[in-house]
PDB file of all heavy atoms in Angstrom:
ATOM      1  N   ASN A   1       0.870  -1.168   0.000  1.00  0.00           N
ATOM      2  CA  ASN A   1       0.000   0.000   0.000  1.00  0.00           C
ATOM      3  C   ASN A   1       0.914   1.227   0.000  1.00  0.00           C
ATOM      4  O   ASN A   1       1.651   1.463   0.966  1.00  0.00           O
ATOM      5  CB  ASN A   1      -0.897  -0.013   1.239  1.00  0.00           C
ATOM      6  CG  ASN A   1      -1.791   1.193   1.345  1.00  0.00           C
ATOM      7  OD1 ASN A   1      -1.496   2.263   0.831  1.00  0.00           O
ATOM      8  ND2 ASN A   1      -2.899   1.022   2.051  1.00  0.00           N
ATOM      9  N   LEU A   2       0.882   1.997  -1.077  1.00  0.00           N
ATOM     10  CA  LEU A   2       1.818   3.111  -1.230  1.00  0.00           C
ATOM     11  C   LEU A   2       1.690   4.166  -0.138  1.00  0.00           C
ATOM     12  O   LEU A   2       2.644   4.884   0.127  1.00  0.00           O
ATOM     13  CB  LEU A   2       1.639   3.767  -2.597  1.00  0.00           C
ATOM     14  CG  LEU A   2       1.916   2.872  -3.804  1.00  0.00           C
ATOM     15  CD1 LEU A   2       1.671   3.633  -5.095  1.00  0.00           C
ATOM     16  CD2 LEU A   2       3.318   2.305  -3.765  1.00  0.00           C
ATOM     17  N   THR A   3       0.543   4.254   0.513  1.00  0.00           N
ATOM     18  CA  THR A   3       0.364   5.266   1.555  1.00  0.00           C
ATOM     19  C   THR A   3       0.655   4.741   2.959  1.00  0.00           C
ATOM     20  O   THR A   3       0.609   5.503   3.918  1.00  0.00           O
ATOM     21  CB  THR A   3      -1.067   5.841   1.524  1.00  0.00           C
ATOM     22  OG1 THR A   3      -1.999   4.795   1.794  1.00  0.00           O
ATOM     23  CG2 THR A   3      -1.372   6.466   0.166  1.00  0.00           C
ATOM     24  N   SER A   4       0.993   3.453   3.087  1.00  0.00           N
ATOM     25  CA  SER A   4       1.206   2.863   4.407  1.00  0.00           C
ATOM     26  C   SER A   4       2.544   3.246   5.028  1.00  0.00           C
ATOM     27  O   SER A   4       2.695   3.189   6.243  1.00  0.00           O
ATOM     28  CB  SER A   4       1.110   1.331   4.337  1.00  0.00           C
ATOM     29  OG  SER A   4       2.261   0.797   3.677  1.00  0.00           O
ATOM     30  N   GLY A   5       3.522   3.582   4.203  1.00  0.00           N
ATOM     31  CA  GLY A   5       4.865   3.873   4.721  1.00  0.00           C
ATOM     32  C   GLY A   5       5.597   2.640   5.213  1.00  0.00           C
ATOM     33  O   GLY A   5       6.602   2.754   5.917  1.00  0.00           O
ATOM     34  N   LEU A   6       5.138   1.444   4.850  1.00  0.00           N
ATOM     35  CA  LEU A   6       5.730   0.205   5.352  1.00  0.00           C
ATOM     36  C   LEU A   6       6.802  -0.395   4.445  1.00  0.00           C
ATOM     37  O   LEU A   6       7.512  -1.308   4.860  1.00  0.00           O
ATOM     38  CB  LEU A   6       4.625  -0.827   5.603  1.00  0.00           C
ATOM     39  CG  LEU A   6       3.622  -0.454   6.692  1.00  0.00           C
ATOM     40  CD1 LEU A   6       2.470  -1.461   6.726  1.00  0.00           C
ATOM     41  CD2 LEU A   6       4.313  -0.368   8.051  1.00  0.00           C
ATOM     42  N   ALA A   7       6.915   0.091   3.228  1.00  0.00           N
ATOM     43  CA  ALA A   7       7.959  -0.426   2.330  1.00  0.00           C
ATOM     44  C   ALA A   7       9.316   0.107   2.790  1.00  0.00           C
ATOM     45  O   ALA A   7       9.400   1.203   3.363  1.00  0.00           O
ATOM     46  CB  ALA A   7       7.675   0.001   0.894  1.00  0.00           C
ATOM     47  N   PRO A   8      10.396  -0.638   2.565  1.00  0.00           N
ATOM     48  CA  PRO A   8      11.720  -0.179   2.993  1.00  0.00           C
ATOM     49  C   PRO A   8      12.108   1.155   2.348  1.00  0.00           C
ATOM     50  O   PRO A   8      11.794   1.404   1.177  1.00  0.00           O
ATOM     51  CB  PRO A   8      12.656  -1.297   2.512  1.00  0.00           C
ATOM     52  CG  PRO A   8      11.788  -2.493   2.351  1.00  0.00           C
ATOM     53  CD  PRO A   8      10.438  -1.968   1.946  1.00  0.00           C
ATOM     54  N   ALA A   9      12.783   1.991   3.112  1.00  0.00           N
ATOM     55  CA  ALA A   9      13.267   3.277   2.596  1.00  0.00           C
ATOM     56  C   ALA A   9      14.132   3.042   1.371  1.00  0.00           C
ATOM     57  O   ALA A   9      14.969   2.138   1.359  1.00  0.00           O
ATOM     58  CB  ALA A   9      14.057   4.009   3.676  1.00  0.00           C
ATOM     59  N   GLY A  10      13.905   3.817   0.329  1.00  0.00           N
ATOM     60  CA  GLY A  10      14.691   3.703  -0.900  1.00  0.00           C
ATOM     61  C   GLY A  10      14.137   2.723  -1.907  1.00  0.00           C
ATOM     62  O   GLY A  10      14.560   2.718  -3.060  1.00  0.00           O
ATOM     63  N   SER A  11      13.198   1.879  -1.487  1.00  0.00           N
ATOM     64  CA  SER A  11      12.636   0.918  -2.437  1.00  0.00           C
ATOM     65  C   SER A  11      11.659   1.625  -3.369  1.00  0.00           C
ATOM     66  O   SER A  11      11.148   2.701  -3.060  1.00  0.00           O
ATOM     67  CB  SER A  11      11.947  -0.237  -1.703  1.00  0.00           C
ATOM     68  OG  SER A  11      10.817   0.206  -0.983  1.00  0.00           O
ATOM     69  N   VAL A  12      11.433   1.002  -4.532  1.00  0.00           N
ATOM     70  CA  VAL A  12      10.528   1.546  -5.537  1.00  0.00           C
ATOM     71  C   VAL A  12       9.466   0.494  -5.848  1.00  0.00           C
ATOM     72  O   VAL A  12       9.799  -0.665  -6.101  1.00  0.00           O
ATOM     73  CB  VAL A  12      11.287   1.908  -6.835  1.00  0.00           C
ATOM     74  CG1 VAL A  12      10.328   2.384  -7.920  1.00  0.00           C
ATOM     75  CG2 VAL A  12      12.370   2.947  -6.565  1.00  0.00           C
ATOM     76  N   GLN A  13       8.209   0.907  -5.828  1.00  0.00           N
ATOM     77  CA  GLN A  13       7.120   0.036  -6.273  1.00  0.00           C
ATOM     78  C   GLN A  13       6.675   0.570  -7.626  1.00  0.00           C
ATOM     79  O   GLN A  13       6.270   1.724  -7.737  1.00  0.00           O
ATOM     80  CB  GLN A  13       5.969   0.046  -5.266  1.00  0.00           C
ATOM     81  CG  GLN A  13       6.414  -0.503  -3.913  1.00  0.00           C
ATOM     82  CD  GLN A  13       5.271  -0.805  -2.994  1.00  0.00           C
ATOM     83  OE1 GLN A  13       4.344  -1.531  -3.353  1.00  0.00           O
ATOM     84  NE2 GLN A  13       5.339  -0.290  -1.778  1.00  0.00           N
ATOM     85  N   SER A  14       6.795  -0.279  -8.639  1.00  0.00           N
ATOM     86  CA  SER A  14       6.482   0.197  -9.988  1.00  0.00           C
ATOM     87  C   SER A  14       5.180  -0.406 -10.504  1.00  0.00           C
ATOM     88  O   SER A  14       4.466  -1.109  -9.789  1.00  0.00           O
ATOM     89  CB  SER A  14       7.654  -0.061 -10.941  1.00  0.00           C
ATOM     90  OG  SER A  14       7.802  -1.426 -11.207  1.00  0.00           O
ATOM     91  N   MET A  15       4.911  -0.124 -11.762  1.00  0.00           N
ATOM     92  CA  MET A  15       3.624  -0.448 -12.384  1.00  0.00           C
ATOM     93  C   MET A  15       3.308  -1.947 -12.376  1.00  0.00           C
ATOM     94  O   MET A  15       4.160  -2.773 -12.679  1.00  0.00           O
ATOM     95  CB  MET A  15       3.609   0.045 -13.822  1.00  0.00           C
ATOM     96  CG  MET A  15       3.768   1.545 -13.952  1.00  0.00           C
ATOM     97  SD  MET A  15       2.478   2.487 -13.151  1.00  0.00           S
ATOM     98  CE  MET A  15       1.219   2.320 -14.389  1.00  0.00           C
ATOM     99  N   THR A  16       2.056  -2.227 -12.038  1.00  0.00           N
ATOM    100  CA  THR A  16       1.533  -3.583 -12.168  1.00  0.00           C
ATOM    101  C   THR A  16       0.683  -3.618 -13.435  1.00  0.00           C
ATOM    102  O   THR A  16       0.473  -2.595 -14.087  1.00  0.00           O
ATOM    103  CB  THR A  16       0.645  -3.949 -10.964  1.00  0.00           C
ATOM    104  OG1 THR A  16      -0.550  -3.159 -11.014  1.00  0.00           O
ATOM    105  CG2 THR A  16       1.374  -3.733  -9.650  1.00  0.00           C
ATOM    106  N   ASP A  17       0.165  -4.774 -13.752  1.00  0.00           N
ATOM    107  CA  ASP A  17      -0.704  -4.869 -14.918  1.00  0.00           C
ATOM    108  C   ASP A  17      -2.106  -4.325 -14.641  1.00  0.00           C
ATOM    109  O   ASP A  17      -2.928  -4.252 -15.552  1.00  0.00           O
ATOM    110  CB  ASP A  17      -0.744  -6.307 -15.443  1.00  0.00           C
ATOM    111  CG  ASP A  17       0.541  -6.665 -16.170  1.00  0.00           C
ATOM    112  OD1 ASP A  17       1.221  -5.747 -16.670  1.00  0.00           O
ATOM    113  OD2 ASP A  17       0.875  -7.856 -16.238  1.00  0.00           O
ATOM    114  N   TYR A  18      -2.359  -3.883 -13.417  1.00  0.00           N
ATOM    115  CA  TYR A  18      -3.592  -3.156 -13.127  1.00  0.00           C
ATOM    116  C   TYR A  18      -3.455  -1.689 -13.558  1.00  0.00           C
ATOM    117  O   TYR A  18      -4.417  -0.937 -13.486  1.00  0.00           O
ATOM    118  CB  TYR A  18      -3.935  -3.212 -11.635  1.00  0.00           C
ATOM    119  CG  TYR A  18      -4.448  -4.557 -11.180  1.00  0.00           C
ATOM    120  CD1 TYR A  18      -3.746  -5.319 -10.255  1.00  0.00           C
ATOM    121  CD2 TYR A  18      -5.655  -5.061 -11.662  1.00  0.00           C
ATOM    122  CE1 TYR A  18      -4.227  -6.543  -9.821  1.00  0.00           C
ATOM    123  CE2 TYR A  18      -6.142  -6.292 -11.233  1.00  0.00           C
ATOM    124  CZ  TYR A  18      -5.423  -7.030 -10.316  1.00  0.00           C
ATOM    125  OH  TYR A  18      -5.899  -8.249  -9.890  1.00  0.00           O
ATOM    126  N   GLY A  19      -2.243  -1.271 -13.949  1.00  0.00           N
ATOM    127  CA  GLY A  19      -2.032   0.082 -14.447  1.00  0.00           C
ATOM    128  C   GLY A  19      -1.580   1.086 -13.411  1.00  0.00           C
ATOM    129  O   GLY A  19      -1.574   2.285 -13.676  1.00  0.00           O
ATOM    130  N   GLU A  20      -1.170   0.591 -12.249  1.00  0.00           N
ATOM    131  CA  GLU A  20      -0.675   1.489 -11.211  1.00  0.00           C
ATOM    132  C   GLU A  20       0.347   0.767 -10.342  1.00  0.00           C
ATOM    133  O   GLU A  20       0.364  -0.463 -10.298  1.00  0.00           O
ATOM    134  CB  GLU A  20      -1.823   2.030 -10.358  1.00  0.00           C
ATOM    135  CG  GLU A  20      -2.695   0.969  -9.764  1.00  0.00           C
ATOM    136  CD  GLU A  20      -3.950   1.536  -9.103  1.00  0.00           C
ATOM    137  OE1 GLU A  20      -4.580   2.429  -9.680  1.00  0.00           O
ATOM    138  OE2 GLU A  20      -4.279   1.070  -8.000  1.00  0.00           O
ATOM    139  N   PRO A  21       1.201   1.536  -9.655  1.00  0.00           N
ATOM    140  CA  PRO A  21       2.181   0.902  -8.770  1.00  0.00           C
ATOM    141  C   PRO A  21       1.529   0.442  -7.467  1.00  0.00           C
ATOM    142  O   PRO A  21       0.418   0.845  -7.136  1.00  0.00           O
ATOM    143  CB  PRO A  21       3.197   2.015  -8.519  1.00  0.00           C
ATOM    144  CG  PRO A  21       2.486   3.280  -8.788  1.00  0.00           C
ATOM    145  CD  PRO A  21       1.393   2.975  -9.772  1.00  0.00           C
ATOM    146  N   GLY A  22       2.251  -0.409  -6.738  1.00  0.00           N
ATOM    147  CA  GLY A  22       1.763  -0.954  -5.476  1.00  0.00           C
ATOM    148  C   GLY A  22       1.178  -2.344  -5.693  1.00  0.00           C
ATOM    149  O   GLY A  22       1.135  -2.861  -6.800  1.00  0.00           O
ATOM    150  N   TYR A  23       0.738  -2.931  -4.602  1.00  0.00           N
ATOM    151  CA  TYR A  23       0.198  -4.293  -4.638  1.00  0.00           C
ATOM    152  C   TYR A  23      -1.198  -4.320  -5.232  1.00  0.00           C
ATOM    153  O   TYR A  23      -2.057  -3.501  -4.884  1.00  0.00           O
ATOM    154  CB  TYR A  23       0.156  -4.846  -3.207  1.00  0.00           C
ATOM    155  CG  TYR A  23      -0.438  -6.233  -3.099  1.00  0.00           C
ATOM    156  CD1 TYR A  23       0.302  -7.352  -3.449  1.00  0.00           C
ATOM    157  CD2 TYR A  23      -1.730  -6.426  -2.626  1.00  0.00           C
ATOM    158  CE1 TYR A  23      -0.232  -8.632  -3.340  1.00  0.00           C
ATOM    159  CE2 TYR A  23      -2.271  -7.703  -2.503  1.00  0.00           C
ATOM    160  CZ  TYR A  23      -1.519  -8.795  -2.860  1.00  0.00           C
ATOM    161  OH  TYR A  23      -2.046 -10.059  -2.751  1.00  0.00           O
ATOM    162  N   GLY A  24      -1.421  -5.267  -6.117  1.00  0.00           N
ATOM    163  CA  GLY A  24      -2.742  -5.568  -6.663  1.00  0.00           C
ATOM    164  C   GLY A  24      -2.954  -7.064  -6.539  1.00  0.00           C
ATOM    165  O   GLY A  24      -2.304  -7.851  -7.219  1.00  0.00           O
ATOM    166  N   GLY A  25      -3.805  -7.483  -5.653  1.00  0.00           N
ATOM    167  CA  GLY A  25      -3.970  -8.899  -5.337  1.00  0.00           C
ATOM    168  C   GLY A  25      -4.566  -9.741  -6.449  1.00  0.00           C
ATOM    169  O   GLY A  25      -4.979  -9.240  -7.497  1.00  0.00           O
ATOM    170  N   PRO A  26      -4.617 -11.053  -6.218  1.00  0.00           N
ATOM    171  CA  PRO A  26      -5.186 -11.978  -7.189  1.00  0.00           C
ATOM    172  C   PRO A  26      -6.636 -11.652  -7.521  1.00  0.00           C
ATOM    173  O   PRO A  26      -7.401 -11.231  -6.665  1.00  0.00           O
ATOM    174  CB  PRO A  26      -5.108 -13.329  -6.470  1.00  0.00           C
ATOM    175  CG  PRO A  26      -3.994 -13.178  -5.490  1.00  0.00           C
ATOM    176  CD  PRO A  26      -4.073 -11.751  -5.040  1.00  0.00           C
ATOM    177  N   CYS A  27      -6.993 -11.860  -8.778  1.00  0.00           N
ATOM    178  CA  CYS A  27      -8.379 -11.706  -9.237  1.00  0.00           C
ATOM    179  C   CYS A  27      -8.500 -12.359 -10.612  1.00  0.00           C
ATOM    180  O   CYS A  27      -8.644 -11.678 -11.622  1.00  0.00           O
ATOM    181  CB  CYS A  27      -8.786 -10.240  -9.290  1.00  0.00           C
ATOM    182  SG  CYS A  27     -10.532 -10.016  -9.696  1.00  0.00           S
ATOM    183  N   PRO A  28      -8.421 -13.694 -10.662  1.00  0.00           N
ATOM    184  CA  PRO A  28      -8.523 -14.359 -11.959  1.00  0.00           C
ATOM    185  C   PRO A  28      -9.946 -14.272 -12.510  1.00  0.00           C
ATOM    186  O   PRO A  28     -10.886 -14.013 -11.759  1.00  0.00           O
ATOM    187  CB  PRO A  28      -8.147 -15.804 -11.633  1.00  0.00           C
ATOM    188  CG  PRO A  28      -8.588 -15.986 -10.224  1.00  0.00           C
ATOM    189  CD  PRO A  28      -8.333 -14.649  -9.556  1.00  0.00           C
ATOM    190  N   PRO A  29     -10.108 -14.501 -13.795  1.00  0.00           N
ATOM    191  CA  PRO A  29     -11.460 -14.486 -14.366  1.00  0.00           C
ATOM    192  C   PRO A  29     -12.365 -15.524 -13.697  1.00  0.00           C
ATOM    193  O   PRO A  29     -11.912 -16.606 -13.303  1.00  0.00           O
ATOM    194  CB  PRO A  29     -11.224 -14.839 -15.837  1.00  0.00           C
ATOM    195  CG  PRO A  29      -9.814 -14.430 -16.107  1.00  0.00           C
ATOM    196  CD  PRO A  29      -9.080 -14.703 -14.821  1.00  0.00           C
ATOM    197  N   GLN A  30     -13.632 -15.175 -13.592  1.00  0.00           N
ATOM    198  CA  GLN A  30     -14.643 -16.081 -13.028  1.00  0.00           C
ATOM    199  C   GLN A  30     -14.640 -17.394 -13.805  1.00  0.00           C
ATOM    200  O   GLN A  30     -14.572 -17.388 -15.034  1.00  0.00           O
ATOM    201  CB  GLN A  30     -16.019 -15.408 -13.137  1.00  0.00           C
ATOM    202  CG  GLN A  30     -17.134 -16.152 -12.455  1.00  0.00           C
ATOM    203  CD  GLN A  30     -17.074 -16.023 -10.940  1.00  0.00           C
ATOM    204  OE1 GLN A  30     -16.699 -14.993 -10.413  1.00  0.00           O
ATOM    205  NE2 GLN A  30     -17.424 -17.085 -10.262  1.00  0.00           N
ATOM    206  N   GLY A  31     -14.695 -18.503 -13.091  1.00  0.00           N
ATOM    207  CA  GLY A  31     -14.781 -19.811 -13.715  1.00  0.00           C
ATOM    208  C   GLY A  31     -13.446 -20.452 -14.050  1.00  0.00           C
ATOM    209  O   GLY A  31     -13.407 -21.608 -14.451  1.00  0.00           O
ATOM    210  N   HIS A  32     -12.341 -19.718 -13.907  1.00  0.00           N
ATOM    211  CA  HIS A  32     -11.025 -20.309 -14.154  1.00  0.00           C
ATOM    212  C   HIS A  32     -10.641 -21.239 -13.018  1.00  0.00           C
ATOM    213  O   HIS A  32     -11.023 -21.021 -11.868  1.00  0.00           O
ATOM    214  CB  HIS A  32      -9.960 -19.206 -14.250  1.00  0.00           C
ATOM    215  CG  HIS A  32      -9.821 -18.633 -15.616  1.00  0.00           C
ATOM    216  ND1 HIS A  32      -8.611 -18.286 -16.146  1.00  0.00           N
ATOM    217  CD2 HIS A  32     -10.731 -18.331 -16.561  1.00  0.00           C
ATOM    218  CE1 HIS A  32      -8.782 -17.794 -17.354  1.00  0.00           C
ATOM    219  NE2 HIS A  32     -10.074 -17.801 -17.625  1.00  0.00           N
ATOM    220  N   LYS A  33      -9.875 -22.274 -13.345  1.00  0.00           N
ATOM    221  CA  LYS A  33      -9.284 -23.092 -12.294  1.00  0.00           C
ATOM    222  C   LYS A  33      -8.347 -22.178 -11.504  1.00  0.00           C
ATOM    223  O   LYS A  33      -7.947 -21.104 -11.999  1.00  0.00           O
ATOM    224  CB  LYS A  33      -8.536 -24.280 -12.892  1.00  0.00           C
ATOM    225  CG  LYS A  33      -7.311 -23.890 -13.696  1.00  0.00           C
ATOM    226  CD  LYS A  33      -6.570 -25.093 -14.221  1.00  0.00           C
ATOM    227  CE  LYS A  33      -5.305 -24.599 -14.923  1.00  0.00           C
ATOM    228  NZ  LYS A  33      -4.344 -25.624 -15.145  1.00  0.00           N
TER     229      LYS A  33
END
């Protein structure tokens, strides 16, 4: 969470495939194994 301040100092969180930096959890398509 980019606003949590919990990532190590100096680290960089870059773009995910959700289109923004930071954590984006699992969310596979409905019905997929």
